[in-house]
Every structure is written in C-alpha cells, then in structure tokens.
C-alpha cells in the first residue's frame, strides 16, 4: 500500500507541475466506462448483502454500466476489506461495510489495513436497529425484569453473537458496562447459526438486528425486550429503546452500513458515487423493499460518514477496554 501511495503522490505532484488538475480525467465524463464491483465482506443473505445488491442495482440503473456484488467473507470482514484497500483507486472497486470496520481495530492485534487512512468514505447507506431478544419461554417481558433476572439467575445468563467484536457483541458488552450485570458470551460463526440457537434455547438472549428475528417475534417464538438504537424502530413501534426502558440515558448502538472506496479515489468519482447512492435511497421503491425488513435508509455526505467512522472508533475502543477485551 505504501508503494501505491508513493506512486500516486508522485503522479499528483507531476500533474500539478505541468498545470493539469489531477481530477481532470474524472471530470471528463469517462467514469464509469466499465463494470463496477461492489465488495461485500460478508456471506450472502444478510443486511450488508441486501444493501450491497441495492447499491449495485442502483448504480447499474443510473450509470448505464453494470455493477455486480462480490461476496468476500471471512476473518471478521477483514478479507473483503483488505481486498478493497489494495484495489486500484479508480472507482471500479468499492466496499459495502458495516460497523465491523471500526470495531475490528479493538479486537485484532494487527489489521492488514487502516480503517481511516486506506479508505475514502462515500456515504452511509442504512441502519438496522438491533433488539434485545429472548426465547418466549424465558420469564421476562421487559428490560427491568430482564436485568433483575440476570442479577439473580444462579448460572450466568448467556448471550449469543455472530462473533467476537461484532456489533451484537459490543451491544451486549455496553449493556453489561452500564448496568453491572454479568453475562457469558457465546460467539457463533456468523448470523446463520445464532437465530436457531435462540430458538433452541442454546443461549438465553442476543442483541440482534431486527430484520433477522422479526418473523420469529411475530410468530411468538422469540420475545423482543428493548431496542438498542437511540429511537424506536418503525418495525417494532411498541418496543421501547434500552435507553428509555432502563432507563439508561446514553445507551445507543446501531448496526450501520456504508460505502467506502480505496484511498486516493479522485473526489469527483467519490462525489458521483455519493450522488448516485443518495438518488437510489430516495427512490420510494427502495424504501418499500427495506421497510418490511427493518432496514432504514440513511444517506449522508462523505464528510458526515467520516465523522461517524472516527467517532465510533473511539466509542468501540472504550467498550472493549471497559469489558477488558484484549485484541488478538
């Protein structure tokens, strides 16, 4: 990556010396003139994959060039993320990433990329409220009952997650830190295993994206206790937030998803990508697709997305430190 940046820096300096703006090629209207790859560092079927395919469809429709999704899961999303970090910064390889982008530095001793320096933020795309969920057989119906149960249960309450360092893990650690309850973490290898574990009562609870559990909540097999976001979810309007139900002022942790490009991608391309994504998110048909599964569109400027990234790097590092979790 250092060699690539040195080359890019030298090229930029040369173009300035000869009086040509470095972004001139991007402003000529030649981008895009071939297929765009949207890399999703997670398996097919989850929230990131759903939004990645919407982004790809939107870019295909508005740019006239095909955009395809390429799933590159593994290593806590690090495999796909590193792939994009090393890609040519020309706007033809972009990343649809989640909070893992900013939580991984607190859980991995050495990352093959820098989450800030190696990327150009393009836009947040969506947020997915998470909900504290228990099996319907559990003797709790609200957050106060859940906290009392966790404090008096003879064995530690177990909570499941999609892996160490995932937003689901961090949300539960934050709840422990703010309430003093003690729970035992049971990490699974991805989302596909966790819901069956909740249904089979292999774990007591999970703070999990609402779109993954809504059908089981409506069927009465799982019970929604409280939402982890700062506001109530439109898909579960009667379920309070953890902050209001505790009350636990300041508690808030969403699953967010956004688009990033490799560092050095010319600003005109970043701006074009941003404009096309915002256009896609304003389409009523997109909202109709996302509302039933609890994904809330949330387009932003590149600068606003950069603020979210930097803020959450600090927030998640504190959660990991308070939970005495050491990077491995």
C-alpha atoms as a PDB file:
ATOM      1  CA  UNK A   1       0.000   0.000   0.000  1.00  0.00           C
ATOM      2  CA  UNK A   2       2.884   2.408   0.801  1.00  0.00           C
ATOM      3  CA  UNK A   3       4.368   1.880  -2.651  1.00  0.00           C
ATOM      4  CA  UNK A   4       0.997   2.525  -4.236  1.00  0.00           C
ATOM      5  CA  UNK A   5       0.539   5.748  -2.305  1.00  0.00           C
ATOM      6  CA  UNK A   6       4.052   6.923  -3.156  1.00  0.00           C
ATOM      7  CA  UNK A   7       3.299   6.361  -6.824  1.00  0.00           C
ATOM      8  CA  UNK A   8       0.003   8.207  -6.560  1.00  0.00           C
ATOM      9  CA  UNK A   9       1.608  11.105  -4.704  1.00  0.00           C
ATOM     10  CA  UNK A  10       4.306  11.402  -7.341  1.00  0.00           C
ATOM     11  CA  UNK A  11       1.746  11.332 -10.130  1.00  0.00           C
ATOM     12  CA  UNK A  12      -0.327  14.042  -8.443  1.00  0.00           C
ATOM     13  CA  UNK A  13       2.721  16.253  -7.998  1.00  0.00           C
ATOM     14  CA  UNK A  14       3.732  15.825 -11.653  1.00  0.00           C
ATOM     15  CA  UNK A  15       0.284  16.770 -12.941  1.00  0.00           C
ATOM     16  CA  UNK A  16       0.302  19.899 -10.805  1.00  0.00           C
ATOM     17  CA  UNK A  17       3.710  20.864 -12.134  1.00  0.00           C
ATOM     18  CA  UNK A  18       2.551  20.646 -15.738  1.00  0.00           C
ATOM     19  CA  UNK A  19      -0.620  22.552 -14.994  1.00  0.00           C
ATOM     20  CA  UNK A  20      -3.182  19.754 -15.279  1.00  0.00           C
ATOM     21  CA  UNK A  21      -5.622  19.200 -12.441  1.00  0.00           C
ATOM     22  CA  UNK A  22      -5.276  15.632 -11.058  1.00  0.00           C
ATOM     23  CA  UNK A  23      -9.077  15.173 -11.244  1.00  0.00           C
ATOM     24  CA  UNK A  24      -9.352  16.241 -14.867  1.00  0.00           C
ATOM     25  CA  UNK A  25      -9.787  12.699 -16.149  1.00  0.00           C
ATOM     26  CA  UNK A  26     -12.620  12.095 -13.705  1.00  0.00           C
ATOM     27  CA  UNK A  27     -14.390  15.280 -14.766  1.00  0.00           C
ATOM     28  CA  UNK A  28     -14.231  14.315 -18.432  1.00  0.00           C
ATOM     29  CA  UNK A  29     -17.231  12.078 -18.074  1.00  0.00           C
ATOM     30  CA  UNK A  30     -15.358   8.843 -18.833  1.00  0.00           C
ATOM     31  CA  UNK A  31     -16.227   7.281 -15.480  1.00  0.00           C
ATOM     32  CA  UNK A  32     -17.701   4.749 -15.449  1.00  0.00           C
ATOM     33  CA  UNK A  33     -16.882   3.105 -18.749  1.00  0.00           C
ATOM     34  CA  UNK A  34     -16.904  -0.483 -17.475  1.00  0.00           C
ATOM     35  CA  UNK A  35     -18.368  -2.682 -14.746  1.00  0.00           C
ATOM     36  CA  UNK A  36     -18.239  -1.626 -11.088  1.00  0.00           C
ATOM     37  CA  UNK A  37     -17.571  -4.195  -8.373  1.00  0.00           C
ATOM     38  CA  UNK A  38     -19.355  -3.829  -5.011  1.00  0.00           C
ATOM     39  CA  UNK A  39     -17.446  -5.959  -2.499  1.00  0.00           C
ATOM     40  CA  UNK A  40     -19.457  -7.234   0.482  1.00  0.00           C
ATOM     41  CA  UNK A  41     -17.166  -8.778   3.152  1.00  0.00           C
ATOM     42  CA  UNK A  42     -19.980 -10.971   4.488  1.00  0.00           C
ATOM     43  CA  UNK A  43     -21.815 -14.079   3.253  1.00  0.00           C
ATOM     44  CA  UNK A  44     -24.904 -13.687   1.043  1.00  0.00           C
ATOM     45  CA  UNK A  45     -28.280 -13.122   2.665  1.00  0.00           C
ATOM     46  CA  UNK A  46     -27.577 -10.661   5.475  1.00  0.00           C
ATOM     47  CA  UNK A  47     -28.258  -6.934   5.792  1.00  0.00           C
ATOM     48  CA  UNK A  48     -24.946  -5.982   4.155  1.00  0.00           C
ATOM     49  CA  UNK A  49     -25.629  -8.267   1.211  1.00  0.00           C
ATOM     50  CA  UNK A  50     -29.153  -6.873   0.774  1.00  0.00           C
ATOM     51  CA  UNK A  51     -27.916  -3.280   0.732  1.00  0.00           C
ATOM     52  CA  UNK A  52     -24.921  -4.186  -1.425  1.00  0.00           C
ATOM     53  CA  UNK A  53     -27.249  -5.545  -4.085  1.00  0.00           C
ATOM     54  CA  UNK A  54     -29.479  -2.470  -3.879  1.00  0.00           C
ATOM     55  CA  UNK A  55     -26.430  -0.247  -4.355  1.00  0.00           C
ATOM     56  CA  UNK A  56     -25.287  -2.373  -7.299  1.00  0.00           C
ATOM     57  CA  UNK A  57     -28.747  -2.262  -8.882  1.00  0.00           C
ATOM     58  CA  UNK A  58     -28.935   1.482  -8.388  1.00  0.00           C
ATOM     59  CA  UNK A  59     -25.524   2.103  -9.952  1.00  0.00           C
ATOM     60  CA  UNK A  60     -26.393  -0.152 -12.867  1.00  0.00           C
ATOM     61  CA  UNK A  61     -29.588   1.789 -13.486  1.00  0.00           C
ATOM     62  CA  UNK A  62     -28.172   5.313 -13.153  1.00  0.00           C
ATOM     63  CA  UNK A  63     -24.701   4.959 -14.694  1.00  0.00           C
ATOM     64  CA  UNK A  64     -25.534   2.681 -17.611  1.00  0.00           C
ATOM     65  CA  UNK A  65     -22.715   0.328 -16.606  1.00  0.00           C
ATOM     66  CA  UNK A  66     -23.257  -2.982 -14.856  1.00  0.00           C
ATOM     67  CA  UNK A  67     -22.448  -3.132 -11.145  1.00  0.00           C
ATOM     68  CA  UNK A  68     -22.019  -6.545  -9.542  1.00  0.00           C
ATOM     69  CA  UNK A  69     -21.789  -7.754  -5.956  1.00  0.00           C
ATOM     70  CA  UNK A  70     -18.842  -9.895  -4.959  1.00  0.00           C
ATOM     71  CA  UNK A  71     -19.088 -11.544  -1.535  1.00  0.00           C
ATOM     72  CA  UNK A  72     -15.679 -11.952   0.123  1.00  0.00           C
ATOM     73  CA  UNK A  73     -16.479 -13.076   3.693  1.00  0.00           C
ATOM     74  CA  UNK A  74     -14.088 -14.215   6.369  1.00  0.00           C
ATOM     75  CA  UNK A  75     -11.881 -13.098   9.280  1.00  0.00           C
ATOM     76  CA  UNK A  76     -14.451 -10.737  10.736  1.00  0.00           C
ATOM     77  CA  UNK A  77     -14.910  -8.969   7.380  1.00  0.00           C
ATOM     78  CA  UNK A  78     -11.177  -8.342   7.109  1.00  0.00           C
ATOM     79  CA  UNK A  79     -10.665 -10.403   3.935  1.00  0.00           C
ATOM     80  CA  UNK A  80     -13.012  -8.361   1.767  1.00  0.00           C
ATOM     81  CA  UNK A  81     -11.975  -5.099   3.402  1.00  0.00           C
ATOM     82  CA  UNK A  82      -8.283  -5.696   2.745  1.00  0.00           C
ATOM     83  CA  UNK A  83      -9.103  -6.589  -0.865  1.00  0.00           C
ATOM     84  CA  UNK A  84     -10.704  -3.185  -1.407  1.00  0.00           C
ATOM     85  CA  UNK A  85      -7.938  -1.354   0.477  1.00  0.00           C
ATOM     86  CA  UNK A  86      -5.442  -2.813  -2.017  1.00  0.00           C
ATOM     87  CA  UNK A  87      -7.601  -2.179  -5.091  1.00  0.00           C
ATOM     88  CA  UNK A  88      -6.815   0.471  -7.673  1.00  0.00           C
ATOM     89  CA  UNK A  89      -8.444   3.763  -6.563  1.00  0.00           C
ATOM     90  CA  UNK A  90     -10.367   4.323  -9.765  1.00  0.00           C
ATOM     91  CA  UNK A  91     -13.991   3.942  -8.640  1.00  0.00           C
ATOM     92  CA  UNK A  92     -14.426   0.442 -10.074  1.00  0.00           C
ATOM     93  CA  UNK A  93     -13.999  -1.425  -6.771  1.00  0.00           C
ATOM     94  CA  UNK A  94     -15.967  -0.217  -3.742  1.00  0.00           C
ATOM     95  CA  UNK A  95     -16.837  -1.675  -0.342  1.00  0.00           C
ATOM     96  CA  UNK A  96     -20.193  -2.123   1.388  1.00  0.00           C
ATOM     97  CA  UNK A  97     -19.108  -2.400   5.018  1.00  0.00           C
ATOM     98  CA  UNK A  98     -20.701  -2.442   8.489  1.00  0.00           C
ATOM     99  CA  UNK A  99     -19.617  -1.329  11.966  1.00  0.00           C
ATOM    100  CA  UNK A 100     -17.024  -4.110  11.816  1.00  0.00           C
ATOM    101  CA  UNK A 101     -14.902  -1.540  10.008  1.00  0.00           C
ATOM    102  CA  UNK A 102     -14.496   0.439  13.223  1.00  0.00           C
ATOM    103  CA  UNK A 103     -14.792  -2.313  15.833  1.00  0.00           C
ATOM    104  CA  UNK A 104     -12.130  -4.603  14.352  1.00  0.00           C
ATOM    105  CA  UNK A 105      -9.201  -2.397  15.450  1.00  0.00           C
ATOM    106  CA  UNK A 106     -10.188  -3.096  19.065  1.00  0.00           C
ATOM    107  CA  UNK A 107     -10.277  -6.866  18.578  1.00  0.00           C
ATOM    108  CA  UNK A 108      -7.491  -7.662  16.114  1.00  0.00           C
ATOM    109  CA  UNK A 109      -3.914  -7.063  17.215  1.00  0.00           C
ATOM    110  CA  UNK A 110      -2.804  -6.394  13.652  1.00  0.00           C
ATOM    111  CA  UNK A 111      -5.041  -5.421  10.759  1.00  0.00           C
ATOM    112  CA  UNK A 112      -3.914  -5.563   7.120  1.00  0.00           C
ATOM    113  CA  UNK A 113      -5.397  -2.098   6.540  1.00  0.00           C
ATOM    114  CA  UNK A 114      -6.034   1.189   8.319  1.00  0.00           C
ATOM    115  CA  UNK A 115      -9.801   1.864   8.602  1.00  0.00           C
ATOM    116  CA  UNK A 116      -9.300   5.615   8.129  1.00  0.00           C
ATOM    117  CA  UNK A 117      -6.151   6.140   6.055  1.00  0.00           C
ATOM    118  CA  UNK A 118      -6.803   3.401   3.492  1.00  0.00           C
ATOM    119  CA  UNK A 119     -10.351   4.436   2.537  1.00  0.00           C
ATOM    120  CA  UNK A 120     -12.426   7.287   1.187  1.00  0.00           C
ATOM    121  CA  UNK A 121     -15.863   7.381   2.862  1.00  0.00           C
ATOM    122  CA  UNK A 122     -18.633   7.706   0.282  1.00  0.00           C
ATOM    123  CA  UNK A 123     -21.916   7.512   2.213  1.00  0.00           C
ATOM    124  CA  UNK A 124     -23.773   5.766   4.939  1.00  0.00           C
ATOM    125  CA  UNK A 125     -26.434   3.654   3.247  1.00  0.00           C
ATOM    126  CA  UNK A 126     -28.609   2.259   6.005  1.00  0.00           C
ATOM    127  CA  UNK A 127     -29.012   1.450   9.660  1.00  0.00           C
ATOM    128  CA  UNK A 128     -30.532  -1.651  11.188  1.00  0.00           C
ATOM    129  CA  UNK A 129     -31.938  -1.305  14.716  1.00  0.00           C
ATOM    130  CA  UNK A 130     -30.946  -4.160  16.965  1.00  0.00           C
ATOM    131  CA  UNK A 131     -33.238  -5.636  19.575  1.00  0.00           C
ATOM    132  CA  UNK A 132     -32.581  -7.450  22.840  1.00  0.00           C
ATOM    133  CA  UNK A 133     -34.346 -10.747  22.245  1.00  0.00           C
ATOM    134  CA  UNK A 134     -35.059 -13.791  24.386  1.00  0.00           C
ATOM    135  CA  UNK A 135     -36.806 -17.078  23.771  1.00  0.00           C
ATOM    136  CA  UNK A 136     -40.518 -16.723  24.510  1.00  0.00           C
ATOM    137  CA  UNK A 137     -40.156 -19.355  27.249  1.00  0.00           C
ATOM    138  CA  UNK A 138     -37.970 -17.054  29.361  1.00  0.00           C
ATOM    139  CA  UNK A 139     -39.624 -15.479  32.431  1.00  0.00           C
ATOM    140  CA  UNK A 140     -39.066 -11.872  31.332  1.00  0.00           C
ATOM    141  CA  UNK A 141     -41.213  -9.446  29.342  1.00  0.00           C
ATOM    142  CA  UNK A 142     -39.418  -6.103  29.732  1.00  0.00           C
ATOM    143  CA  UNK A 143     -35.947  -4.709  30.384  1.00  0.00           C
ATOM    144  CA  UNK A 144     -36.323  -4.227  34.135  1.00  0.00           C
ATOM    145  CA  UNK A 145     -37.430  -7.855  34.513  1.00  0.00           C
ATOM    146  CA  UNK A 146     -34.544  -8.947  32.288  1.00  0.00           C
ATOM    147  CA  UNK A 147     -31.971  -7.083  34.398  1.00  0.00           C
ATOM    148  CA  UNK A 148     -33.422  -8.456  37.639  1.00  0.00           C
ATOM    149  CA  UNK A 149     -33.408 -11.973  36.168  1.00  0.00           C
ATOM    150  CA  UNK A 150     -29.802 -11.597  35.039  1.00  0.00           C
ATOM    151  CA  UNK A 151     -28.750 -10.474  38.531  1.00  0.00           C
ATOM    152  CA  UNK A 152     -30.470 -13.331  40.351  1.00  0.00           C
ATOM    153  CA  UNK A 153     -30.048 -16.218  37.903  1.00  0.00           C
ATOM    154  CA  UNK A 154     -27.969 -18.941  39.513  1.00  0.00           C
ATOM    155  CA  UNK A 155     -25.921 -19.500  36.370  1.00  0.00           C
ATOM    156  CA  UNK A 156     -24.758 -16.609  34.246  1.00  0.00           C
ATOM    157  CA  UNK A 157     -27.156 -15.510  31.538  1.00  0.00           C
ATOM    158  CA  UNK A 158     -25.657 -16.424  28.180  1.00  0.00           C
ATOM    159  CA  UNK A 159     -25.765 -14.100  25.198  1.00  0.00           C
ATOM    160  CA  UNK A 160     -25.008 -15.068  21.634  1.00  0.00           C
ATOM    161  CA  UNK A 161     -23.341 -13.065  18.887  1.00  0.00           C
ATOM    162  CA  UNK A 162     -22.138 -13.514  15.322  1.00  0.00           C
ATOM    163  CA  UNK A 163     -18.566 -13.423  16.599  1.00  0.00           C
ATOM    164  CA  UNK A 164     -16.140 -11.517  18.791  1.00  0.00           C
ATOM    165  CA  UNK A 165     -16.113  -7.808  18.002  1.00  0.00           C
ATOM    166  CA  UNK A 166     -19.358  -7.747  16.032  1.00  0.00           C
ATOM    167  CA  UNK A 167     -21.932  -5.020  16.789  1.00  0.00           C
ATOM    168  CA  UNK A 168     -24.089  -7.662  18.501  1.00  0.00           C
ATOM    169  CA  UNK A 169     -21.211  -8.487  20.852  1.00  0.00           C
ATOM    170  CA  UNK A 170     -20.467  -4.813  21.569  1.00  0.00           C
ATOM    171  CA  UNK A 171     -24.123  -4.002  22.247  1.00  0.00           C
ATOM    172  CA  UNK A 172     -24.255  -6.670  24.957  1.00  0.00           C
ATOM    173  CA  UNK A 173     -20.935  -5.560  26.447  1.00  0.00           C
ATOM    174  CA  UNK A 174     -22.226  -1.980  26.605  1.00  0.00           C
ATOM    175  CA  UNK A 175     -25.367  -3.179  28.386  1.00  0.00           C
ATOM    176  CA  UNK A 176     -23.241  -5.005  30.957  1.00  0.00           C
ATOM    177  CA  UNK A 177     -20.990  -1.997  31.477  1.00  0.00           C
ATOM    178  CA  UNK A 178     -23.920   0.370  32.036  1.00  0.00           C
ATOM    179  CA  UNK A 179     -25.962  -1.924  34.318  1.00  0.00           C
ATOM    180  CA  UNK A 180     -23.406  -4.023  36.169  1.00  0.00           C
ATOM    181  CA  UNK A 181     -24.985  -7.322  35.125  1.00  0.00           C
ATOM    182  CA  UNK A 182     -22.701 -10.226  34.220  1.00  0.00           C
ATOM    183  CA  UNK A 183     -23.376 -12.390  31.185  1.00  0.00           C
ATOM    184  CA  UNK A 184     -21.431 -15.121  29.409  1.00  0.00           C
ATOM    185  CA  UNK A 185     -20.584 -14.504  25.759  1.00  0.00           C
ATOM    186  CA  UNK A 186     -21.204 -17.364  23.315  1.00  0.00           C
ATOM    187  CA  UNK A 187     -19.856 -16.368  19.886  1.00  0.00           C
ATOM    188  CA  UNK A 188     -21.111 -18.166  16.800  1.00  0.00           C
ATOM    189  CA  UNK A 189     -19.551 -18.301  13.365  1.00  0.00           C
ATOM    190  CA  UNK A 190     -21.866 -15.867  11.661  1.00  0.00           C
ATOM    191  CA  UNK A 191     -25.507 -14.866  11.708  1.00  0.00           C
ATOM    192  CA  UNK A 192     -26.917 -18.084  10.296  1.00  0.00           C
ATOM    193  CA  UNK A 193     -26.211 -20.034  13.484  1.00  0.00           C
ATOM    194  CA  UNK A 194     -27.482 -17.577  16.072  1.00  0.00           C
ATOM    195  CA  UNK A 195     -31.227 -17.465  15.453  1.00  0.00           C
ATOM    196  CA  UNK A 196     -31.528 -21.282  15.575  1.00  0.00           C
ATOM    197  CA  UNK A 197     -29.538 -21.163  18.824  1.00  0.00           C
ATOM    198  CA  UNK A 198     -32.020 -18.702  20.327  1.00  0.00           C
ATOM    199  CA  UNK A 199     -34.955 -20.798  19.148  1.00  0.00           C
ATOM    200  CA  UNK A 200     -33.408 -23.939  20.645  1.00  0.00           C
ATOM    201  CA  UNK A 201     -32.510 -22.090  23.884  1.00  0.00           C
ATOM    202  CA  UNK A 202     -28.811 -22.834  23.462  1.00  0.00           C
ATOM    203  CA  UNK A 203     -28.317 -19.224  24.586  1.00  0.00           C
ATOM    204  CA  UNK A 204     -30.547 -17.073  26.755  1.00  0.00           C
ATOM    205  CA  UNK A 205     -30.546 -13.881  24.740  1.00  0.00           C
ATOM    206  CA  UNK A 206     -28.974 -11.829  21.970  1.00  0.00           C
ATOM    207  CA  UNK A 207     -28.983  -8.223  20.851  1.00  0.00           C
ATOM    208  CA  UNK A 208     -29.612  -8.871  17.229  1.00  0.00           C
ATOM    209  CA  UNK A 209     -30.623  -6.994  14.033  1.00  0.00           C
ATOM    210  CA  UNK A 210     -34.382  -6.732  13.994  1.00  0.00           C
ATOM    211  CA  UNK A 211     -34.662  -7.983  10.413  1.00  0.00           C
ATOM    212  CA  UNK A 212     -33.092 -11.309  11.439  1.00  0.00           C
ATOM    213  CA  UNK A 213     -35.624 -12.046  14.175  1.00  0.00           C
ATOM    214  CA  UNK A 214     -38.813 -10.166  13.266  1.00  0.00           C
ATOM    215  CA  UNK A 215     -40.582 -13.189  11.774  1.00  0.00           C
ATOM    216  CA  UNK A 216     -39.932 -15.234  14.934  1.00  0.00           C
ATOM    217  CA  UNK A 217     -41.052 -12.361  17.149  1.00  0.00           C
ATOM    218  CA  UNK A 218     -44.308 -12.057  15.209  1.00  0.00           C
ATOM    219  CA  UNK A 219     -44.755 -15.839  15.390  1.00  0.00           C
ATOM    220  CA  UNK A 220     -44.426 -15.698  19.187  1.00  0.00           C
ATOM    221  CA  UNK A 221     -41.324 -17.878  19.360  1.00  0.00           C
ATOM    222  CA  UNK A 222     -38.998 -15.066  20.405  1.00  0.00           C
ATOM    223  CA  UNK A 223     -39.749 -12.041  22.583  1.00  0.00           C
ATOM    224  CA  UNK A 224     -38.488  -8.511  21.899  1.00  0.00           C
ATOM    225  CA  UNK A 225     -37.425  -6.815  25.141  1.00  0.00           C
ATOM    226  CA  UNK A 226     -35.929  -3.489  24.054  1.00  0.00           C
ATOM    227  CA  UNK A 227     -34.322  -1.827  21.029  1.00  0.00           C
ATOM    228  CA  UNK A 228     -30.649  -0.870  21.156  1.00  0.00           C
ATOM    229  CA  UNK A 229     -30.979   2.221  18.929  1.00  0.00           C
ATOM    230  CA  UNK A 230     -31.478   5.775  20.196  1.00  0.00           C
ATOM    231  CA  UNK A 231     -35.022   5.791  18.792  1.00  0.00           C
ATOM    232  CA  UNK A 232     -37.739   3.165  18.462  1.00  0.00           C
ATOM    233  CA  UNK A 233     -37.863   1.030  15.366  1.00  0.00           C
ATOM    234  CA  UNK A 234     -40.664   1.573  12.859  1.00  0.00           C
ATOM    235  CA  UNK A 235     -40.984  -2.198  12.513  1.00  0.00           C
ATOM    236  CA  UNK A 236     -41.437  -2.635  16.307  1.00  0.00           C
ATOM    237  CA  UNK A 237     -43.036   0.671  17.335  1.00  0.00           C
ATOM    238  CA  UNK A 238     -44.376  -0.656  20.659  1.00  0.00           C
ATOM    239  CA  UNK A 239     -40.970  -1.858  21.887  1.00  0.00           C
ATOM    240  CA  UNK A 240     -39.075   0.797  23.886  1.00  0.00           C
ATOM    241  CA  UNK A 241     -35.402   1.565  23.499  1.00  0.00           C
ATOM    242  CA  UNK A 242     -32.938   0.284  26.094  1.00  0.00           C
ATOM    243  CA  UNK A 243     -32.215   3.923  26.985  1.00  0.00           C
ATOM    244  CA  UNK A 244     -35.847   4.671  27.860  1.00  0.00           C
ATOM    245  CA  UNK A 245     -36.734   1.275  29.358  1.00  0.00           C
ATOM    246  CA  UNK A 246     -33.801   1.110  31.781  1.00  0.00           C
ATOM    247  CA  UNK A 247     -33.734   3.990  31.977  1.00  0.00           C
ATOM    248  CA  UNK A 248     -30.162   4.057  30.685  1.00  0.00           C
ATOM    249  CA  UNK A 249     -29.514   7.530  29.246  1.00  0.00           C
ATOM    250  CA  UNK A 250     -26.818   7.436  26.585  1.00  0.00           C
ATOM    251  CA  UNK A 251     -27.198   3.793  25.652  1.00  0.00           C
ATOM    252  CA  UNK A 252     -27.261   3.518  21.863  1.00  0.00           C
ATOM    253  CA  UNK A 253     -25.734   1.114  19.388  1.00  0.00           C
ATOM    254  CA  UNK A 254     -26.991   0.522  15.862  1.00  0.00           C
ATOM    255  CA  UNK A 255     -25.791  -1.703  13.092  1.00  0.00           C
ATOM    256  CA  UNK A 256     -24.829   0.692  10.312  1.00  0.00           C
ATOM    257  CA  UNK A 257     -23.773   0.000   6.748  1.00  0.00           C
ATOM    258  CA  UNK A 258     -21.976   2.267   4.332  1.00  0.00           C
ATOM    259  CA  UNK A 259     -19.946   2.501   1.147  1.00  0.00           C
ATOM    260  CA  UNK A 260     -16.215   3.206   1.054  1.00  0.00           C
ATOM    261  CA  UNK A 261     -13.713   3.455  -1.792  1.00  0.00           C
ATOM    262  CA  UNK A 262      -9.938   2.879  -1.732  1.00  0.00           C
ATOM    263  CA  UNK A 263      -7.829   5.800  -0.527  1.00  0.00           C
ATOM    264  CA  UNK A 264      -6.790   8.024  -3.397  1.00  0.00           C
ATOM    265  CA  UNK A 265     -10.035   7.670  -5.323  1.00  0.00           C
ATOM    266  CA  UNK A 266     -10.476  11.081  -7.021  1.00  0.00           C
ATOM    267  CA  UNK A 267     -13.016  13.320  -5.320  1.00  0.00           C
ATOM    268  CA  UNK A 268     -15.164  13.743  -8.463  1.00  0.00           C
ATOM    269  CA  UNK A 269     -15.673   9.964  -8.524  1.00  0.00           C
ATOM    270  CA  UNK A 270     -16.457   9.893  -4.793  1.00  0.00           C
ATOM    271  CA  UNK A 271     -18.977  12.686  -5.321  1.00  0.00           C
ATOM    272  CA  UNK A 272     -20.568  10.891  -8.268  1.00  0.00           C
ATOM    273  CA  UNK A 273     -20.859   7.668  -6.281  1.00  0.00           C
ATOM    274  CA  UNK A 274     -22.361   9.610  -3.393  1.00  0.00           C
ATOM    275  CA  UNK A 275     -24.895  11.316  -5.657  1.00  0.00           C
ATOM    276  CA  UNK A 276     -25.988   8.039  -7.243  1.00  0.00           C
ATOM    277  CA  UNK A 277     -26.346   6.319  -3.865  1.00  0.00           C
ATOM    278  CA  UNK A 278     -28.430   9.180  -2.462  1.00  0.00           C
ATOM    279  CA  UNK A 279     -30.594   9.088  -5.564  1.00  0.00           C
ATOM    280  CA  UNK A 280     -31.132   5.357  -5.088  1.00  0.00           C
ATOM    281  CA  UNK A 281     -32.057   5.797  -1.412  1.00  0.00           C
ATOM    282  CA  UNK A 282     -34.674   8.430  -2.267  1.00  0.00           C
ATOM    283  CA  UNK A 283     -36.469   6.041  -4.595  1.00  0.00           C
ATOM    284  CA  UNK A 284     -39.829   5.097  -2.989  1.00  0.00           C
ATOM    285  CA  UNK A 285     -39.450   1.561  -4.364  1.00  0.00           C
ATOM    286  CA  UNK A 286     -36.258   1.110  -2.349  1.00  0.00           C
ATOM    287  CA  UNK A 287     -37.989   2.235   0.839  1.00  0.00           C
ATOM    288  CA  UNK A 288     -40.792  -0.230   0.108  1.00  0.00           C
ATOM    289  CA  UNK A 289     -38.218  -3.034  -0.064  1.00  0.00           C
ATOM    290  CA  UNK A 290     -36.401  -2.011   3.113  1.00  0.00           C
ATOM    291  CA  UNK A 291     -39.269  -1.094   5.457  1.00  0.00           C
ATOM    292  CA  UNK A 292     -40.660  -4.634   5.908  1.00  0.00           C
ATOM    293  CA  UNK A 293     -37.234  -5.941   6.945  1.00  0.00           C
ATOM    294  CA  UNK A 294     -36.395  -3.079   9.299  1.00  0.00           C
ATOM    295  CA  UNK A 295     -33.536  -1.516   7.332  1.00  0.00           C
ATOM    296  CA  UNK A 296     -33.717   2.271   7.465  1.00  0.00           C
ATOM    297  CA  UNK A 297     -32.150   4.252   4.563  1.00  0.00           C
ATOM    298  CA  UNK A 298     -29.658   6.841   5.796  1.00  0.00           C
ATOM    299  CA  UNK A 299     -27.648   8.504   3.063  1.00  0.00           C
ATOM    300  CA  UNK A 300     -25.028  11.074   4.119  1.00  0.00           C
ATOM    301  CA  UNK A 301     -22.262  13.233   2.735  1.00  0.00           C
ATOM    302  CA  UNK A 302     -18.754  11.711   2.659  1.00  0.00           C
ATOM    303  CA  UNK A 303     -17.754  14.120   5.441  1.00  0.00           C
ATOM    304  CA  UNK A 304     -20.603  13.021   7.714  1.00  0.00           C
ATOM    305  CA  UNK A 305     -19.741   9.369   7.163  1.00  0.00           C
ATOM    306  CA  UNK A 306     -16.098  10.134   8.005  1.00  0.00           C
ATOM    307  CA  UNK A 307     -17.279  11.689  11.299  1.00  0.00           C
ATOM    308  CA  UNK A 308     -19.282   8.549  12.142  1.00  0.00           C
ATOM    309  CA  UNK A 309     -16.250   6.351  11.468  1.00  0.00           C
ATOM    310  CA  UNK A 310     -13.901   8.402  13.639  1.00  0.00           C
ATOM    311  CA  UNK A 311     -16.447   8.746  16.453  1.00  0.00           C
ATOM    312  CA  UNK A 312     -17.280   5.032  16.523  1.00  0.00           C
ATOM    313  CA  UNK A 313     -13.595   4.042  16.534  1.00  0.00           C
ATOM    314  CA  UNK A 314     -13.346   5.838  19.882  1.00  0.00           C
ATOM    315  CA  UNK A 315     -16.710   4.555  21.156  1.00  0.00           C
ATOM    316  CA  UNK A 316     -15.995   0.890  20.413  1.00  0.00           C
ATOM    317  CA  UNK A 317     -12.454   1.080  21.760  1.00  0.00           C
ATOM    318  CA  UNK A 318     -13.901   2.274  25.077  1.00  0.00           C
ATOM    319  CA  UNK A 319     -16.472  -0.541  25.150  1.00  0.00           C
ATOM    320  CA  UNK A 320     -13.711  -3.103  24.531  1.00  0.00           C
ATOM    321  CA  UNK A 321     -11.486  -1.523  27.200  1.00  0.00           C
ATOM    322  CA  UNK A 322     -14.298  -1.402  29.787  1.00  0.00           C
ATOM    323  CA  UNK A 323     -15.023  -5.079  29.071  1.00  0.00           C
ATOM    324  CA  UNK A 324     -11.310  -5.879  29.475  1.00  0.00           C
ATOM    325  CA  UNK A 325     -11.184  -7.392  25.982  1.00  0.00           C
ATOM    326  CA  UNK A 326      -7.676  -7.636  24.595  1.00  0.00           C
ATOM    327  CA  UNK A 327      -7.034  -7.648  20.838  1.00  0.00           C
ATOM    328  CA  UNK A 328      -5.764 -10.945  19.485  1.00  0.00           C
END
